[in-house]
Amino acid sequence: FYWFVLRKKPLTEEEKIALLPPYDRALKQLKELENSRYLIQDEFKKYYSELTDIVRAYLEEDVHISAMESTTDQLIERLELLKDAGELSLDEDTITQFKKVLQTADLVKFAKSKPDMAVAESDRSAVEKIVVKTKEALPEPTEEDLLENEAYIEAYAAEKRKKRIWIAAG
């Protein structure tokens, strides 16, 4: 019973990646995309789909904007609104570069365009730079946020302890 139900099972590789912070996960996925064979096999649509999914998932988790359901223009507009509100200190050049990458991805995915391999590689490196600059542009968490996070961790640990006591008693 202990072996199959109660013991702590080792994490799979996907679970380890899911536990990483959004910034680290995005960079790791971009490195994996760089080493993928999509460009060699002329699968530009899969390459750009994965590229945009990575950056959109990062923006959704770290910047807290609904990036996965947004169109390119809506996403750029939200980033500019955050920049104008002072919540995100990105420079205009970064936003312009991100818009170009998203427009290229839209052309590849929907208009069946085929860019050069060099363009695809430069787009991936541009997205990597965008992720890094976005991480730097995010404001540091306040002391209140850190205390809330600490309180949540303590409550979770107490709940886990209580569950173990009930299992042992059972």
C-alpha atoms as a PDB file:
ATOM      1  CA  PHE A   1       0.000   0.000   0.000  1.00  0.00           C
ATOM      2  CA  TYR A   2       2.800   2.390   0.938  1.00  0.00           C
ATOM      3  CA  TRP A   3       4.778   1.651  -2.232  1.00  0.00           C
ATOM      4  CA  PHE A   4       1.892   2.247  -4.649  1.00  0.00           C
ATOM      5  CA  VAL A   5      -0.060   4.984  -2.875  1.00  0.00           C
ATOM      6  CA  LEU A   6       1.842   6.848  -0.176  1.00  0.00           C
ATOM      7  CA  ARG A   7       5.480   6.981  -1.231  1.00  0.00           C
ATOM      8  CA  LYS A   8       6.790  10.051  -2.922  1.00  0.00           C
ATOM      9  CA  LYS A   9       7.166   9.167  -6.573  1.00  0.00           C
ATOM     10  CA  PRO A  10      10.044  10.646  -8.595  1.00  0.00           C
ATOM     11  CA  LEU A  11       9.085  13.508 -10.880  1.00  0.00           C
ATOM     12  CA  THR A  12       9.029  13.024 -14.622  1.00  0.00           C
ATOM     13  CA  GLU A  13      10.979  15.397 -16.853  1.00  0.00           C
ATOM     14  CA  GLU A  14       7.771  17.263 -17.815  1.00  0.00           C
ATOM     15  CA  GLU A  15       6.843  17.748 -14.158  1.00  0.00           C
ATOM     16  CA  LYS A  16      10.326  19.079 -13.381  1.00  0.00           C
ATOM     17  CA  ILE A  17       9.990  21.612 -16.204  1.00  0.00           C
ATOM     18  CA  ALA A  18       6.509  22.607 -15.021  1.00  0.00           C
ATOM     19  CA  LEU A  19       7.875  23.355 -11.541  1.00  0.00           C
ATOM     20  CA  LEU A  20      10.451  25.828 -12.877  1.00  0.00           C
ATOM     21  CA  PRO A  21       9.698  29.562 -12.621  1.00  0.00           C
ATOM     22  CA  PRO A  22       8.140  30.969 -15.836  1.00  0.00           C
ATOM     23  CA  TYR A  23      11.325  32.806 -16.865  1.00  0.00           C
ATOM     24  CA  ASP A  24      13.561  29.739 -16.538  1.00  0.00           C
ATOM     25  CA  ARG A  25      10.967  27.522 -18.206  1.00  0.00           C
ATOM     26  CA  ALA A  26      10.684  29.885 -21.187  1.00  0.00           C
ATOM     27  CA  LEU A  27      14.452  30.015 -21.674  1.00  0.00           C
ATOM     28  CA  LYS A  28      14.722  26.215 -21.399  1.00  0.00           C
ATOM     29  CA  GLN A  29      11.948  25.731 -23.964  1.00  0.00           C
ATOM     30  CA  LEU A  30      13.615  28.227 -26.311  1.00  0.00           C
ATOM     31  CA  LYS A  31      16.896  26.290 -26.052  1.00  0.00           C
ATOM     32  CA  GLU A  32      15.027  23.059 -26.830  1.00  0.00           C
ATOM     33  CA  LEU A  33      13.384  24.766 -29.812  1.00  0.00           C
ATOM     34  CA  GLU A  34      16.801  25.883 -31.031  1.00  0.00           C
ATOM     35  CA  ASN A  35      17.981  22.261 -30.958  1.00  0.00           C
ATOM     36  CA  SER A  36      14.811  20.917 -32.593  1.00  0.00           C
ATOM     37  CA  ARG A  37      14.735  19.648 -36.148  1.00  0.00           C
ATOM     38  CA  TYR A  38      11.781  21.754 -37.323  1.00  0.00           C
ATOM     39  CA  LEU A  39      13.873  24.069 -39.492  1.00  0.00           C
ATOM     40  CA  ILE A  40      15.866  21.228 -41.032  1.00  0.00           C
ATOM     41  CA  GLN A  41      12.643  19.439 -41.970  1.00  0.00           C
ATOM     42  CA  ASP A  42      11.003  22.643 -43.332  1.00  0.00           C
ATOM     43  CA  GLU A  43       8.289  22.588 -40.684  1.00  0.00           C
ATOM     44  CA  PHE A  44       8.145  26.351 -40.228  1.00  0.00           C
ATOM     45  CA  LYS A  45       4.521  26.318 -39.090  1.00  0.00           C
ATOM     46  CA  LYS A  46       5.298  24.033 -36.122  1.00  0.00           C
ATOM     47  CA  TYR A  47       8.428  26.030 -35.344  1.00  0.00           C
ATOM     48  CA  TYR A  48       6.642  29.379 -35.233  1.00  0.00           C
ATOM     49  CA  SER A  49       3.633  27.927 -33.413  1.00  0.00           C
ATOM     50  CA  GLU A  50       5.887  26.619 -30.676  1.00  0.00           C
ATOM     51  CA  LEU A  51       7.889  29.859 -30.610  1.00  0.00           C
ATOM     52  CA  THR A  52       4.824  32.036 -30.128  1.00  0.00           C
ATOM     53  CA  ASP A  53       3.295  29.614 -27.612  1.00  0.00           C
ATOM     54  CA  ILE A  54       6.425  29.810 -25.470  1.00  0.00           C
ATOM     55  CA  VAL A  55       6.530  33.605 -25.380  1.00  0.00           C
ATOM     56  CA  ARG A  56       2.763  33.947 -24.917  1.00  0.00           C
ATOM     57  CA  ALA A  57       2.742  31.450 -22.041  1.00  0.00           C
ATOM     58  CA  TYR A  58       5.604  33.363 -20.420  1.00  0.00           C
ATOM     59  CA  LEU A  59       3.782  36.686 -20.777  1.00  0.00           C
ATOM     60  CA  GLU A  60       0.599  35.173 -19.399  1.00  0.00           C
ATOM     61  CA  GLU A  61       2.325  33.756 -16.316  1.00  0.00           C
ATOM     62  CA  ASP A  62       4.844  36.472 -15.496  1.00  0.00           C
ATOM     63  CA  VAL A  63       3.227  39.665 -16.790  1.00  0.00           C
ATOM     64  CA  HIS A  64      -0.348  38.486 -16.057  1.00  0.00           C
ATOM     65  CA  ILE A  65      -1.987  39.419 -19.351  1.00  0.00           C
ATOM     66  CA  SER A  66      -4.211  37.084 -21.345  1.00  0.00           C
ATOM     67  CA  ALA A  67      -1.760  36.451 -24.149  1.00  0.00           C
ATOM     68  CA  MET A  68      -2.842  33.001 -25.323  1.00  0.00           C
ATOM     69  CA  GLU A  69      -6.312  34.126 -26.489  1.00  0.00           C
ATOM     70  CA  SER A  70      -5.166  37.475 -27.879  1.00  0.00           C
ATOM     71  CA  THR A  71      -4.423  38.361 -31.458  1.00  0.00           C
ATOM     72  CA  THR A  72      -1.093  39.933 -32.312  1.00  0.00           C
ATOM     73  CA  ASP A  73      -2.487  43.461 -32.316  1.00  0.00           C
ATOM     74  CA  GLN A  74      -4.357  42.980 -29.029  1.00  0.00           C
ATOM     75  CA  LEU A  75      -1.218  41.615 -27.349  1.00  0.00           C
ATOM     76  CA  ILE A  76       0.958  44.491 -28.556  1.00  0.00           C
ATOM     77  CA  GLU A  77      -1.729  46.965 -27.485  1.00  0.00           C
ATOM     78  CA  ARG A  78      -1.829  45.470 -23.976  1.00  0.00           C
ATOM     79  CA  LEU A  79       1.955  45.632 -23.691  1.00  0.00           C
ATOM     80  CA  GLU A  80       1.900  49.279 -24.757  1.00  0.00           C
ATOM     81  CA  LEU A  81      -0.859  50.027 -22.232  1.00  0.00           C
ATOM     82  CA  LEU A  82       1.197  48.407 -19.453  1.00  0.00           C
ATOM     83  CA  LYS A  83       4.220  50.407 -20.585  1.00  0.00           C
ATOM     84  CA  ASP A  84       2.240  53.661 -20.589  1.00  0.00           C
ATOM     85  CA  ALA A  85       0.782  52.871 -17.146  1.00  0.00           C
ATOM     86  CA  GLY A  86       4.288  52.378 -15.763  1.00  0.00           C
ATOM     87  CA  GLU A  87       3.736  48.747 -14.753  1.00  0.00           C
ATOM     88  CA  LEU A  88       6.173  47.442 -17.349  1.00  0.00           C
ATOM     89  CA  SER A  89       9.259  49.421 -18.315  1.00  0.00           C
ATOM     90  CA  LEU A  90       9.935  48.060 -21.795  1.00  0.00           C
ATOM     91  CA  ASP A  91      11.499  50.254 -24.441  1.00  0.00           C
ATOM     92  CA  GLU A  92       9.669  50.938 -27.698  1.00  0.00           C
ATOM     93  CA  ASP A  93      12.303  49.072 -29.718  1.00  0.00           C
ATOM     94  CA  THR A  94      11.584  45.814 -27.864  1.00  0.00           C
ATOM     95  CA  ILE A  95       7.848  46.098 -28.482  1.00  0.00           C
ATOM     96  CA  THR A  96       8.430  46.845 -32.171  1.00  0.00           C
ATOM     97  CA  GLN A  97      10.749  43.865 -32.503  1.00  0.00           C
ATOM     98  CA  PHE A  98       8.190  41.623 -30.765  1.00  0.00           C
ATOM     99  CA  LYS A  99       5.477  42.852 -33.128  1.00  0.00           C
ATOM    100  CA  LYS A 100       7.631  41.971 -36.161  1.00  0.00           C
ATOM    101  CA  VAL A 101       8.226  38.443 -34.830  1.00  0.00           C
ATOM    102  CA  LEU A 102       4.516  37.918 -34.185  1.00  0.00           C
ATOM    103  CA  GLN A 103       3.603  39.220 -37.652  1.00  0.00           C
ATOM    104  CA  THR A 104       6.132  36.871 -39.250  1.00  0.00           C
ATOM    105  CA  ALA A 105       4.672  34.002 -37.230  1.00  0.00           C
ATOM    106  CA  ASP A 106       1.160  34.948 -38.380  1.00  0.00           C
ATOM    107  CA  LEU A 107       2.305  34.933 -42.008  1.00  0.00           C
ATOM    108  CA  VAL A 108       3.915  31.527 -41.604  1.00  0.00           C
ATOM    109  CA  LYS A 109       0.982  29.995 -39.757  1.00  0.00           C
ATOM    110  CA  PHE A 110      -1.907  31.438 -41.755  1.00  0.00           C
ATOM    111  CA  ALA A 111      -0.546  32.519 -45.150  1.00  0.00           C
ATOM    112  CA  LYS A 112       1.820  29.541 -45.570  1.00  0.00           C
ATOM    113  CA  SER A 113       4.790  31.831 -46.025  1.00  0.00           C
ATOM    114  CA  LYS A 114       8.271  30.286 -45.787  1.00  0.00           C
ATOM    115  CA  PRO A 115      10.967  32.611 -44.448  1.00  0.00           C
ATOM    116  CA  ASP A 116      14.675  31.877 -44.662  1.00  0.00           C
ATOM    117  CA  MET A 117      16.228  29.713 -41.976  1.00  0.00           C
ATOM    118  CA  ALA A 118      18.323  32.708 -40.929  1.00  0.00           C
ATOM    119  CA  VAL A 119      15.160  34.760 -40.360  1.00  0.00           C
ATOM    120  CA  ALA A 120      13.653  31.962 -38.265  1.00  0.00           C
ATOM    121  CA  GLU A 121      16.818  31.694 -36.170  1.00  0.00           C
ATOM    122  CA  SER A 122      16.989  35.452 -35.686  1.00  0.00           C
ATOM    123  CA  ASP A 123      13.321  35.463 -34.643  1.00  0.00           C
ATOM    124  CA  ARG A 124      14.056  32.830 -31.998  1.00  0.00           C
ATOM    125  CA  SER A 125      16.991  34.804 -30.644  1.00  0.00           C
ATOM    126  CA  ALA A 126      14.858  37.967 -30.729  1.00  0.00           C
ATOM    127  CA  VAL A 127      12.166  36.231 -28.671  1.00  0.00           C
ATOM    128  CA  GLU A 128      14.840  35.118 -26.207  1.00  0.00           C
ATOM    129  CA  LYS A 129      16.017  38.732 -25.853  1.00  0.00           C
ATOM    130  CA  ILE A 130      12.408  39.869 -25.441  1.00  0.00           C
ATOM    131  CA  VAL A 131      11.857  37.368 -22.623  1.00  0.00           C
ATOM    132  CA  VAL A 132      15.033  38.571 -20.884  1.00  0.00           C
ATOM    133  CA  LYS A 133      14.120  42.252 -21.288  1.00  0.00           C
ATOM    134  CA  THR A 134      10.582  41.608 -20.052  1.00  0.00           C
ATOM    135  CA  LYS A 135      11.943  39.858 -16.973  1.00  0.00           C
ATOM    136  CA  GLU A 136      14.196  42.845 -16.292  1.00  0.00           C
ATOM    137  CA  ALA A 137      11.306  45.285 -16.899  1.00  0.00           C
ATOM    138  CA  LEU A 138       9.010  43.659 -14.343  1.00  0.00           C
ATOM    139  CA  PRO A 139       8.912  45.473 -11.010  1.00  0.00           C
ATOM    140  CA  GLU A 140      10.330  43.686  -7.988  1.00  0.00           C
ATOM    141  CA  PRO A 141       7.711  42.011  -5.785  1.00  0.00           C
ATOM    142  CA  THR A 142       6.706  44.111  -2.804  1.00  0.00           C
ATOM    143  CA  GLU A 143       7.145  42.993   0.772  1.00  0.00           C
ATOM    144  CA  GLU A 144       3.379  42.402   1.015  1.00  0.00           C
ATOM    145  CA  ASP A 145       3.478  40.025  -1.966  1.00  0.00           C
ATOM    146  CA  LEU A 146       6.358  38.106  -0.430  1.00  0.00           C
ATOM    147  CA  LEU A 147       4.515  37.822   2.898  1.00  0.00           C
ATOM    148  CA  GLU A 148       1.356  36.582   1.136  1.00  0.00           C
ATOM    149  CA  ASN A 149       3.401  33.962  -0.694  1.00  0.00           C
ATOM    150  CA  GLU A 150       5.065  32.893   2.553  1.00  0.00           C
ATOM    151  CA  ALA A 151       1.680  32.620   4.290  1.00  0.00           C
ATOM    152  CA  TYR A 152       0.385  30.456   1.443  1.00  0.00           C
ATOM    153  CA  ILE A 153       3.393  28.136   1.687  1.00  0.00           C
ATOM    154  CA  GLU A 154       2.909  27.778   5.454  1.00  0.00           C
ATOM    155  CA  ALA A 155      -0.812  27.008   5.029  1.00  0.00           C
ATOM    156  CA  TYR A 156      -0.011  24.423   2.364  1.00  0.00           C
ATOM    157  CA  ALA A 157       2.581  22.758   4.623  1.00  0.00           C
ATOM    158  CA  ALA A 158       0.101  22.668   7.525  1.00  0.00           C
ATOM    159  CA  GLU A 159      -2.525  21.056   5.285  1.00  0.00           C
ATOM    160  CA  LYS A 160       0.008  18.469   4.135  1.00  0.00           C
ATOM    161  CA  ARG A 161       0.965  17.700   7.761  1.00  0.00           C
ATOM    162  CA  LYS A 162      -2.700  17.278   8.675  1.00  0.00           C
ATOM    163  CA  LYS A 163      -3.202  14.875   5.759  1.00  0.00           C
ATOM    164  CA  ARG A 164      -0.207  12.781   6.868  1.00  0.00           C
ATOM    165  CA  ILE A 165      -1.598  12.576  10.415  1.00  0.00           C
ATOM    166  CA  TRP A 166      -4.947  11.340   9.114  1.00  0.00           C
ATOM    167  CA  ILE A 167      -3.248   8.758   6.911  1.00  0.00           C
ATOM    168  CA  ALA A 168      -1.106   7.526   9.803  1.00  0.00           C
ATOM    169  CA  ALA A 169      -4.131   7.351  12.073  1.00  0.00           C
ATOM    170  CA  GLY A 170      -6.017   5.423   9.421  1.00  0.00           C
END
